[in-house]
Amino acid sequence: MTPKDYIVTKIEGEYAYLCEIDSSNTDEIFIALALLPNGVDIGTKLHYEMLEYSIIG
């Protein structure tokens, strides 16, 4: 998989909805909060690479 950057658009219960940054694709994906780094909130930008998410500035 290629590295991708996402932004958290909403959080519902134990899931976060992510939208890819700099992409024409507007589809959201959802992922369990347990798989994301601590401190994730709406508006947090994430980098996904090698099956791992990290918070980016």
Protein backbone atom coordinates (compact mmCIF):
# COMPACT_ATOMS: atom_id res chain seq x y z
CA MET A 1 0.00 0.00 0.00
CA THR A 2 1.11 3.50 -0.70
CA PRO A 3 1.36 6.01 2.14
CA LYS A 4 -1.71 8.23 2.54
CA ASP A 5 -2.70 11.21 4.64
CA TYR A 6 -6.13 11.51 6.23
CA ILE A 7 -8.09 13.95 8.35
CA VAL A 8 -10.57 12.86 11.02
CA THR A 9 -13.98 14.23 10.01
CA LYS A 10 -16.14 12.79 12.78
CA ILE A 11 -16.11 10.39 15.68
CA GLU A 12 -19.09 8.20 16.55
CA GLY A 13 -18.79 5.87 19.50
CA GLU A 14 -15.67 3.75 19.06
CA TYR A 15 -15.10 4.66 15.40
CA ALA A 16 -13.46 7.56 13.60
CA TYR A 17 -14.35 8.59 10.07
CA LEU A 18 -11.38 9.56 7.90
CA CYS A 19 -11.25 11.45 4.62
CA GLU A 20 -8.16 11.32 2.43
CA ILE A 21 -6.30 14.65 2.13
CA ASP A 22 -5.37 15.94 -1.35
CA SER A 23 -7.55 13.47 -3.19
CA SER A 24 -10.50 13.89 -5.51
CA ASN A 25 -12.08 10.89 -3.75
CA THR A 26 -14.54 12.20 -1.15
CA ASP A 27 -15.45 8.80 0.27
CA GLU A 28 -14.96 8.42 4.01
CA ILE A 29 -13.53 5.34 5.63
CA PHE A 30 -14.16 4.38 9.22
CA ILE A 31 -11.71 2.76 11.58
CA ALA A 32 -11.76 1.73 15.23
CA LEU A 33 -10.32 4.34 17.58
CA ALA A 34 -8.26 1.59 19.22
CA LEU A 35 -6.16 1.39 16.04
CA LEU A 36 -5.36 5.12 16.06
CA PRO A 37 -2.81 6.98 18.20
CA ASN A 38 -3.86 8.49 21.52
CA GLY A 39 -5.11 12.06 21.29
CA VAL A 40 -7.01 11.71 18.03
CA ASP A 41 -9.92 14.14 17.72
CA ILE A 42 -11.98 15.75 14.97
CA GLY A 43 -9.64 17.66 12.67
CA THR A 44 -6.56 15.58 13.51
CA LYS A 45 -4.37 14.82 10.50
CA LEU A 46 -3.02 11.29 10.24
CA HIS A 47 -0.35 9.63 8.12
CA TYR A 48 -0.89 5.98 7.18
CA GLU A 49 2.08 3.87 6.19
CA MET A 50 3.01 0.20 6.70
CA LEU A 51 -0.24 -0.60 8.54
CA GLU A 52 0.34 2.16 11.10
CA TYR A 53 -1.27 5.55 11.70
CA SER A 54 0.66 8.50 13.12
CA ILE A 55 -0.38 12.07 13.90
CA ILE A 56 1.10 14.74 11.63
CA GLY A 57 1.32 18.47 12.23
